[in-house]
Amino acid sequence: DTFFGRFRHFLDVIDPRTLFVSEKRLQECVDLIDQYKDGTLPPGVTDAQLWKAQKIKQAIIHPDTGEKIFMPFRMSGTVVGLLLPNQTLLSTVFWQWLNQSHNACVNYCNRNASQPAPVSKFIRGYIGAVTSAVSIAVGLNVLIQRASRFSPTTRLLVQRFIPFPAVASANVCNVVLMRQSELSEGISVLDNKGNVVGTSKLAARHALLETALTRVVLPMPILVLPPMIMTVLEK
């Protein structure tokens, strides 16, 4: 139950292949996990099959409500428009808005639902996240455009990396703002049998901190590696 263990679990949940799991396959996975918990597994079921079923269930079914998460707002949903080359100021604003809108919906649909929170808090969080993302991206773009001491090649290289700090910082803002009620009210704590034993603000702080860290690390392979590879290829 270490941070790296939970981060590995998070990588399983964001596997984009889970977006295309059929209703029949999902039900098979849910039934298999239920049979495992009840001690009624049919003969021949392997550990690998159980882990795969658990992965699919966790990626699609909300752990608190038990309801199916709408496909675009699962953790495995992505927005790739930020990688488009030669973006204008308008396109930068559009893709940052779309990305943070998607993130806000993902954070809301995958929130800890053990403690109810008014929709107004999520609306304020959404506005704050979108504002921060667009402001950072546009501000960095304007700053680079006015940096006359940079050569055109350097300016182009820096512009390619602008989406990452904008997305990373806005992702943290998005998580904190969209789930701020957890910090003030705490989240439910369970024992090893799944029974609720109380509510903890400390557990909420740990949960939000680790979630925020994963939201910083997660965009790196998408928003950092491609610009580096393209620079090498162009040279």
C-alpha atoms as a PDB file:
ATOM      1  CA  ASP A   1       0.000   0.000   0.000  1.00  0.00           C
ATOM      2  CA  THR A   2       2.872   2.381  -0.879  1.00  0.00           C
ATOM      3  CA  PHE A   3       2.667   5.485  -3.072  1.00  0.00           C
ATOM      4  CA  PHE A   4       4.328   3.599  -5.936  1.00  0.00           C
ATOM      5  CA  GLY A   5       1.898   0.745  -5.533  1.00  0.00           C
ATOM      6  CA  ARG A   6      -1.040   3.121  -5.754  1.00  0.00           C
ATOM      7  CA  PHE A   7       0.581   4.900  -8.688  1.00  0.00           C
ATOM      8  CA  ARG A   8       0.901   1.569 -10.497  1.00  0.00           C
ATOM      9  CA  HIS A   9      -2.765   0.934  -9.784  1.00  0.00           C
ATOM     10  CA  PHE A  10      -3.512   4.404 -11.184  1.00  0.00           C
ATOM     11  CA  LEU A  11      -1.667   3.495 -14.412  1.00  0.00           C
ATOM     12  CA  ASP A  12      -3.857   0.391 -14.713  1.00  0.00           C
ATOM     13  CA  VAL A  13      -6.992   2.501 -14.302  1.00  0.00           C
ATOM     14  CA  ILE A  14      -5.959   4.940 -17.066  1.00  0.00           C
ATOM     15  CA  ASP A  15      -5.321   2.182 -19.603  1.00  0.00           C
ATOM     16  CA  PRO A  16      -7.211   3.481 -22.696  1.00  0.00           C
ATOM     17  CA  ARG A  17      -8.146  -0.062 -23.707  1.00  0.00           C
ATOM     18  CA  THR A  18     -10.680  -0.093 -20.878  1.00  0.00           C
ATOM     19  CA  LEU A  19     -12.721   2.482 -22.824  1.00  0.00           C
ATOM     20  CA  PHE A  20     -13.729  -0.234 -25.286  1.00  0.00           C
ATOM     21  CA  VAL A  21     -14.779  -2.948 -22.858  1.00  0.00           C
ATOM     22  CA  SER A  22     -18.240  -4.232 -23.761  1.00  0.00           C
ATOM     23  CA  GLU A  23     -21.141  -4.370 -21.312  1.00  0.00           C
ATOM     24  CA  LYS A  24     -21.024  -8.167 -21.403  1.00  0.00           C
ATOM     25  CA  ARG A  25     -17.296  -8.266 -20.637  1.00  0.00           C
ATOM     26  CA  LEU A  26     -17.712  -5.763 -17.791  1.00  0.00           C
ATOM     27  CA  GLN A  27     -20.479  -7.852 -16.215  1.00  0.00           C
ATOM     28  CA  GLU A  28     -18.305 -10.972 -16.498  1.00  0.00           C
ATOM     29  CA  CYS A  29     -15.502  -9.161 -14.646  1.00  0.00           C
ATOM     30  CA  VAL A  30     -17.845  -7.889 -11.916  1.00  0.00           C
ATOM     31  CA  ASP A  31     -19.318 -11.374 -11.462  1.00  0.00           C
ATOM     32  CA  LEU A  32     -15.840 -12.909 -11.288  1.00  0.00           C
ATOM     33  CA  ILE A  33     -14.722 -10.491  -8.561  1.00  0.00           C
ATOM     34  CA  ASP A  34     -17.961 -11.090  -6.630  1.00  0.00           C
ATOM     35  CA  GLN A  35     -17.429 -14.859  -6.852  1.00  0.00           C
ATOM     36  CA  TYR A  36     -13.884 -14.407  -5.544  1.00  0.00           C
ATOM     37  CA  LYS A  37     -15.134 -12.396  -2.558  1.00  0.00           C
ATOM     38  CA  ASP A  38     -17.839 -14.991  -1.842  1.00  0.00           C
ATOM     39  CA  GLY A  39     -15.416 -17.912  -2.165  1.00  0.00           C
ATOM     40  CA  THR A  40     -17.394 -19.430  -5.047  1.00  0.00           C
ATOM     41  CA  LEU A  41     -14.850 -19.155  -7.876  1.00  0.00           C
ATOM     42  CA  PRO A  42     -15.303 -21.787 -10.593  1.00  0.00           C
ATOM     43  CA  PRO A  43     -12.370 -24.164 -11.061  1.00  0.00           C
ATOM     44  CA  GLY A  44      -9.610 -23.150 -13.458  1.00  0.00           C
ATOM     45  CA  VAL A  45      -9.705 -19.372 -12.844  1.00  0.00           C
ATOM     46  CA  THR A  46      -6.140 -18.024 -12.703  1.00  0.00           C
ATOM     47  CA  ASP A  47      -4.678 -15.113 -10.743  1.00  0.00           C
ATOM     48  CA  ALA A  48      -3.997 -13.324 -14.037  1.00  0.00           C
ATOM     49  CA  GLN A  49      -7.691 -13.524 -14.938  1.00  0.00           C
ATOM     50  CA  LEU A  50      -8.658 -12.150 -11.534  1.00  0.00           C
ATOM     51  CA  TRP A  51      -6.217  -9.227 -11.776  1.00  0.00           C
ATOM     52  CA  LYS A  52      -7.463  -8.369 -15.255  1.00  0.00           C
ATOM     53  CA  ALA A  53     -11.073  -8.484 -14.091  1.00  0.00           C
ATOM     54  CA  GLN A  54     -10.196  -6.265 -11.128  1.00  0.00           C
ATOM     55  CA  LYS A  55      -8.442  -3.791 -13.435  1.00  0.00           C
ATOM     56  CA  ILE A  56     -11.462  -3.522 -15.741  1.00  0.00           C
ATOM     57  CA  LYS A  57     -13.899  -3.154 -12.862  1.00  0.00           C
ATOM     58  CA  GLN A  58     -11.839  -0.433 -11.150  1.00  0.00           C
ATOM     59  CA  ALA A  59     -11.459   1.500 -14.413  1.00  0.00           C
ATOM     60  CA  ILE A  60     -15.210   1.575 -15.144  1.00  0.00           C
ATOM     61  CA  ILE A  61     -17.176   1.167 -11.890  1.00  0.00           C
ATOM     62  CA  HIS A  62     -17.117   3.923  -9.272  1.00  0.00           C
ATOM     63  CA  PRO A  63     -15.848   2.395  -5.996  1.00  0.00           C
ATOM     64  CA  ASP A  64     -18.239   4.363  -3.759  1.00  0.00           C
ATOM     65  CA  THR A  65     -21.474   4.392  -5.749  1.00  0.00           C
ATOM     66  CA  GLY A  66     -21.042   1.137  -7.672  1.00  0.00           C
ATOM     67  CA  GLU A  67     -22.316   2.889 -10.791  1.00  0.00           C
ATOM     68  CA  LYS A  68     -20.768   2.802 -14.245  1.00  0.00           C
ATOM     69  CA  ILE A  69     -18.769   5.946 -15.070  1.00  0.00           C
ATOM     70  CA  PHE A  70     -19.713   7.623 -18.352  1.00  0.00           C
ATOM     71  CA  MET A  71     -17.064   6.586 -20.899  1.00  0.00           C
ATOM     72  CA  PRO A  72     -15.469   9.976 -21.810  1.00  0.00           C
ATOM     73  CA  PHE A  73     -15.053  10.851 -18.131  1.00  0.00           C
ATOM     74  CA  ARG A  74     -13.257   7.736 -16.996  1.00  0.00           C
ATOM     75  CA  MET A  75      -9.639   8.100 -15.927  1.00  0.00           C
ATOM     76  CA  SER A  76      -8.588   6.523 -19.233  1.00  0.00           C
ATOM     77  CA  GLY A  77     -10.117   9.325 -21.320  1.00  0.00           C
ATOM     78  CA  THR A  78      -7.616  11.685 -22.980  1.00  0.00           C
ATOM     79  CA  VAL A  79      -7.400  14.982 -24.835  1.00  0.00           C
ATOM     80  CA  VAL A  80      -4.577  15.044 -27.419  1.00  0.00           C
ATOM     81  CA  GLY A  81      -5.197  18.413 -29.083  1.00  0.00           C
ATOM     82  CA  LEU A  82      -2.518  20.016 -26.901  1.00  0.00           C
ATOM     83  CA  LEU A  83       0.109  18.290 -29.050  1.00  0.00           C
ATOM     84  CA  LEU A  84      -0.946  19.951 -32.306  1.00  0.00           C
ATOM     85  CA  PRO A  85       1.966  21.923 -33.852  1.00  0.00           C
ATOM     86  CA  ASN A  86       2.037  25.650 -34.673  1.00  0.00           C
ATOM     87  CA  GLN A  87      -0.938  26.556 -32.526  1.00  0.00           C
ATOM     88  CA  THR A  88      -2.365  30.057 -32.549  1.00  0.00           C
ATOM     89  CA  LEU A  89      -3.372  31.943 -29.418  1.00  0.00           C
ATOM     90  CA  LEU A  90      -7.018  31.033 -30.055  1.00  0.00           C
ATOM     91  CA  SER A  91      -6.273  27.331 -30.535  1.00  0.00           C
ATOM     92  CA  THR A  92      -4.146  27.324 -27.365  1.00  0.00           C
ATOM     93  CA  VAL A  93      -7.046  28.776 -25.372  1.00  0.00           C
ATOM     94  CA  PHE A  94      -9.498  26.301 -26.907  1.00  0.00           C
ATOM     95  CA  TRP A  95      -7.442  23.172 -26.231  1.00  0.00           C
ATOM     96  CA  GLN A  96      -6.511  24.241 -22.693  1.00  0.00           C
ATOM     97  CA  TRP A  97     -10.188  24.933 -21.977  1.00  0.00           C
ATOM     98  CA  LEU A  98     -11.239  21.587 -23.458  1.00  0.00           C
ATOM     99  CA  ASN A  99      -8.532  19.691 -21.566  1.00  0.00           C
ATOM    100  CA  GLN A 100      -9.389  21.227 -18.202  1.00  0.00           C
ATOM    101  CA  SER A 101     -13.122  20.817 -18.854  1.00  0.00           C
ATOM    102  CA  HIS A 102     -12.458  17.147 -19.464  1.00  0.00           C
ATOM    103  CA  ASN A 103     -10.271  16.944 -16.340  1.00  0.00           C
ATOM    104  CA  ALA A 104     -12.962  18.626 -14.261  1.00  0.00           C
ATOM    105  CA  CYS A 105     -15.543  16.085 -15.424  1.00  0.00           C
ATOM    106  CA  VAL A 106     -13.101  13.245 -14.725  1.00  0.00           C
ATOM    107  CA  ASN A 107     -12.393  14.573 -11.224  1.00  0.00           C
ATOM    108  CA  TYR A 108     -16.104  14.948 -10.517  1.00  0.00           C
ATOM    109  CA  CYS A 109     -17.089  11.509 -11.845  1.00  0.00           C
ATOM    110  CA  ASN A 110     -14.180   9.793 -10.027  1.00  0.00           C
ATOM    111  CA  ARG A 111     -14.429  11.812  -6.798  1.00  0.00           C
ATOM    112  CA  ASN A 112     -14.674  10.252  -3.359  1.00  0.00           C
ATOM    113  CA  ALA A 113     -18.445   9.988  -3.026  1.00  0.00           C
ATOM    114  CA  SER A 114     -18.514   8.943   0.624  1.00  0.00           C
ATOM    115  CA  GLN A 115     -19.153  12.566   1.620  1.00  0.00           C
ATOM    116  CA  PRO A 116     -21.751  14.580  -0.376  1.00  0.00           C
ATOM    117  CA  ALA A 117     -20.770  18.024  -1.667  1.00  0.00           C
ATOM    118  CA  PRO A 118     -22.831  20.789  -3.324  1.00  0.00           C
ATOM    119  CA  VAL A 119     -22.487  21.199  -7.066  1.00  0.00           C
ATOM    120  CA  SER A 120     -21.585  24.874  -6.546  1.00  0.00           C
ATOM    121  CA  LYS A 121     -18.190  23.827  -5.162  1.00  0.00           C
ATOM    122  CA  PHE A 122     -17.415  21.866  -8.297  1.00  0.00           C
ATOM    123  CA  ILE A 123     -18.501  24.771 -10.482  1.00  0.00           C
ATOM    124  CA  ARG A 124     -16.096  27.086  -8.629  1.00  0.00           C
ATOM    125  CA  GLY A 125     -13.362  24.475  -8.974  1.00  0.00           C
ATOM    126  CA  TYR A 126     -14.020  24.146 -12.692  1.00  0.00           C
ATOM    127  CA  ILE A 127     -13.814  27.902 -13.239  1.00  0.00           C
ATOM    128  CA  GLY A 128     -10.595  28.121 -11.228  1.00  0.00           C
ATOM    129  CA  ALA A 129      -8.940  25.233 -13.075  1.00  0.00           C
ATOM    130  CA  VAL A 130      -9.831  26.516 -16.542  1.00  0.00           C
ATOM    131  CA  THR A 131      -8.748  30.040 -15.654  1.00  0.00           C
ATOM    132  CA  SER A 132      -5.385  28.871 -14.322  1.00  0.00           C
ATOM    133  CA  ALA A 133      -4.663  26.632 -17.326  1.00  0.00           C
ATOM    134  CA  VAL A 134      -5.553  29.240 -19.938  1.00  0.00           C
ATOM    135  CA  SER A 135      -3.742  32.032 -18.060  1.00  0.00           C
ATOM    136  CA  ILE A 136      -0.522  30.049 -17.695  1.00  0.00           C
ATOM    137  CA  ALA A 137      -0.508  28.794 -21.295  1.00  0.00           C
ATOM    138  CA  VAL A 138      -1.344  32.171 -22.828  1.00  0.00           C
ATOM    139  CA  GLY A 139       1.041  34.011 -20.486  1.00  0.00           C
ATOM    140  CA  LEU A 140       3.945  31.729 -21.376  1.00  0.00           C
ATOM    141  CA  ASN A 141       3.189  32.025 -25.082  1.00  0.00           C
ATOM    142  CA  VAL A 142       3.139  35.822 -24.933  1.00  0.00           C
ATOM    143  CA  LEU A 143       6.332  35.828 -22.865  1.00  0.00           C
ATOM    144  CA  ILE A 144       8.140  33.665 -25.388  1.00  0.00           C
ATOM    145  CA  GLN A 145       6.910  35.744 -28.331  1.00  0.00           C
ATOM    146  CA  ARG A 146       8.337  38.872 -26.694  1.00  0.00           C
ATOM    147  CA  ALA A 147      11.642  37.256 -25.732  1.00  0.00           C
ATOM    148  CA  SER A 148      13.665  38.863 -28.509  1.00  0.00           C
ATOM    149  CA  ARG A 149      16.964  37.472 -27.231  1.00  0.00           C
ATOM    150  CA  PHE A 150      15.837  33.945 -28.057  1.00  0.00           C
ATOM    151  CA  SER A 151      16.649  32.626 -31.513  1.00  0.00           C
ATOM    152  CA  PRO A 152      13.700  31.393 -33.623  1.00  0.00           C
ATOM    153  CA  THR A 153      14.838  27.801 -33.047  1.00  0.00           C
ATOM    154  CA  THR A 154      15.025  28.232 -29.271  1.00  0.00           C
ATOM    155  CA  ARG A 155      11.687  30.011 -29.204  1.00  0.00           C
ATOM    156  CA  LEU A 156      10.061  27.152 -31.136  1.00  0.00           C
ATOM    157  CA  LEU A 157      11.599  24.583 -28.788  1.00  0.00           C
ATOM    158  CA  VAL A 158      10.364  26.388 -25.677  1.00  0.00           C
ATOM    159  CA  GLN A 159       6.889  26.795 -27.177  1.00  0.00           C
ATOM    160  CA  ARG A 160       6.660  23.036 -27.622  1.00  0.00           C
ATOM    161  CA  PHE A 161       7.144  22.535 -23.891  1.00  0.00           C
ATOM    162  CA  ILE A 162       4.618  25.188 -22.820  1.00  0.00           C
ATOM    163  CA  PRO A 163       1.653  22.755 -22.641  1.00  0.00           C
ATOM    164  CA  PHE A 164       3.316  20.715 -19.880  1.00  0.00           C
ATOM    165  CA  PRO A 165       3.727  23.383 -17.137  1.00  0.00           C
ATOM    166  CA  ALA A 166       0.304  24.783 -18.027  1.00  0.00           C
ATOM    167  CA  VAL A 167      -1.362  21.381 -17.841  1.00  0.00           C
ATOM    168  CA  ALA A 168       0.573  20.166 -14.778  1.00  0.00           C
ATOM    169  CA  SER A 169      -0.129  23.257 -12.671  1.00  0.00           C
ATOM    170  CA  ALA A 170      -3.749  23.434 -13.793  1.00  0.00           C
ATOM    171  CA  ASN A 171      -4.205  19.720 -13.066  1.00  0.00           C
ATOM    172  CA  VAL A 172      -3.116  20.285  -9.472  1.00  0.00           C
ATOM    173  CA  CYS A 173      -5.413  23.295  -9.221  1.00  0.00           C
ATOM    174  CA  ASN A 174      -8.214  21.250 -10.780  1.00  0.00           C
ATOM    175  CA  VAL A 175      -7.887  18.388  -8.303  1.00  0.00           C
ATOM    176  CA  VAL A 176      -7.699  20.648  -5.234  1.00  0.00           C
ATOM    177  CA  LEU A 177     -10.550  22.910  -6.295  1.00  0.00           C
ATOM    178  CA  MET A 178     -12.850  20.160  -7.541  1.00  0.00           C
ATOM    179  CA  ARG A 179     -12.337  18.058  -4.398  1.00  0.00           C
ATOM    180  CA  GLN A 180     -11.855  20.771  -1.769  1.00  0.00           C
ATOM    181  CA  SER A 181     -14.867  19.534   0.195  1.00  0.00           C
ATOM    182  CA  GLU A 182     -12.880  16.404   1.075  1.00  0.00           C
ATOM    183  CA  LEU A 183     -10.298  18.568   2.853  1.00  0.00           C
ATOM    184  CA  SER A 184     -12.906  20.328   4.993  1.00  0.00           C
ATOM    185  CA  GLU A 185     -15.181  17.353   5.666  1.00  0.00           C
ATOM    186  CA  GLY A 186     -12.791  14.390   5.398  1.00  0.00           C
ATOM    187  CA  ILE A 187     -13.316  11.046   3.682  1.00  0.00           C
ATOM    188  CA  SER A 188     -14.529   7.697   4.978  1.00  0.00           C
ATOM    189  CA  VAL A 189     -11.910   5.313   6.352  1.00  0.00           C
ATOM    190  CA  LEU A 190     -12.462   1.560   6.005  1.00  0.00           C
ATOM    191  CA  ASP A 191     -11.100  -1.425   7.890  1.00  0.00           C
ATOM    192  CA  ASN A 192      -9.645  -4.483   6.166  1.00  0.00           C
ATOM    193  CA  LYS A 193     -13.155  -5.902   5.786  1.00  0.00           C
ATOM    194  CA  GLY A 194     -14.474  -2.831   3.961  1.00  0.00           C
ATOM    195  CA  ASN A 195     -16.499  -1.496   6.870  1.00  0.00           C
ATOM    196  CA  VAL A 196     -16.569   2.270   7.484  1.00  0.00           C
ATOM    197  CA  VAL A 197     -14.898   3.027  10.819  1.00  0.00           C
ATOM    198  CA  GLY A 198     -14.865   6.821  10.691  1.00  0.00           C
ATOM    199  CA  THR A 199     -14.059   9.986   8.739  1.00  0.00           C
ATOM    200  CA  SER A 200     -10.582  11.461   8.426  1.00  0.00           C
ATOM    201  CA  LYS A 201      -9.346  14.846   7.159  1.00  0.00           C
ATOM    202  CA  LEU A 202      -5.770  13.567   7.340  1.00  0.00           C
ATOM    203  CA  ALA A 203      -6.615  10.719   4.956  1.00  0.00           C
ATOM    204  CA  ALA A 204      -8.228  13.263   2.634  1.00  0.00           C
ATOM    205  CA  ARG A 205      -5.053  15.384   2.604  1.00  0.00           C
ATOM    206  CA  HIS A 206      -2.931  12.336   1.801  1.00  0.00           C
ATOM    207  CA  ALA A 207      -5.345  11.265  -0.938  1.00  0.00           C
ATOM    208  CA  LEU A 208      -5.398  14.700  -2.583  1.00  0.00           C
ATOM    209  CA  LEU A 209      -1.619  15.095  -2.351  1.00  0.00           C
ATOM    210  CA  GLU A 210      -0.954  11.755  -4.020  1.00  0.00           C
ATOM    211  CA  THR A 211      -3.640  12.395  -6.642  1.00  0.00           C
ATOM    212  CA  ALA A 212      -2.094  15.807  -7.404  1.00  0.00           C
ATOM    213  CA  LEU A 213       1.377  14.243  -7.768  1.00  0.00           C
ATOM    214  CA  THR A 214       0.102  11.667 -10.231  1.00  0.00           C
ATOM    215  CA  ARG A 215      -1.580  14.448 -12.251  1.00  0.00           C
ATOM    216  CA  VAL A 216       1.826  16.138 -12.568  1.00  0.00           C
ATOM    217  CA  VAL A 217       3.668  12.974 -13.571  1.00  0.00           C
ATOM    218  CA  LEU A 218       0.973  11.573 -15.847  1.00  0.00           C
ATOM    219  CA  PRO A 219       1.237  14.180 -18.672  1.00  0.00           C
ATOM    220  CA  MET A 220       5.032  13.840 -18.895  1.00  0.00           C
ATOM    221  CA  PRO A 221       5.157  10.973 -21.425  1.00  0.00           C
ATOM    222  CA  ILE A 222       2.620  12.793 -23.622  1.00  0.00           C
ATOM    223  CA  LEU A 223       3.705  16.425 -23.327  1.00  0.00           C
ATOM    224  CA  VAL A 224       7.467  16.131 -22.682  1.00  0.00           C
ATOM    225  CA  LEU A 225       8.765  13.168 -24.676  1.00  0.00           C
ATOM    226  CA  PRO A 226       7.233  14.038 -28.102  1.00  0.00           C
ATOM    227  CA  PRO A 227       8.798  17.557 -28.211  1.00  0.00           C
ATOM    228  CA  MET A 228      12.171  16.076 -27.276  1.00  0.00           C
ATOM    229  CA  ILE A 229      11.902  13.377 -29.943  1.00  0.00           C
ATOM    230  CA  MET A 230      10.790  15.859 -32.601  1.00  0.00           C
ATOM    231  CA  THR A 231      13.713  18.146 -31.817  1.00  0.00           C
ATOM    232  CA  VAL A 232      16.184  15.287 -32.237  1.00  0.00           C
ATOM    233  CA  LEU A 233      14.536  14.140 -35.466  1.00  0.00           C
ATOM    234  CA  GLU A 234      14.566  17.659 -36.926  1.00  0.00           C
ATOM    235  CA  LYS A 235      18.274  18.031 -36.180  1.00  0.00           C
END
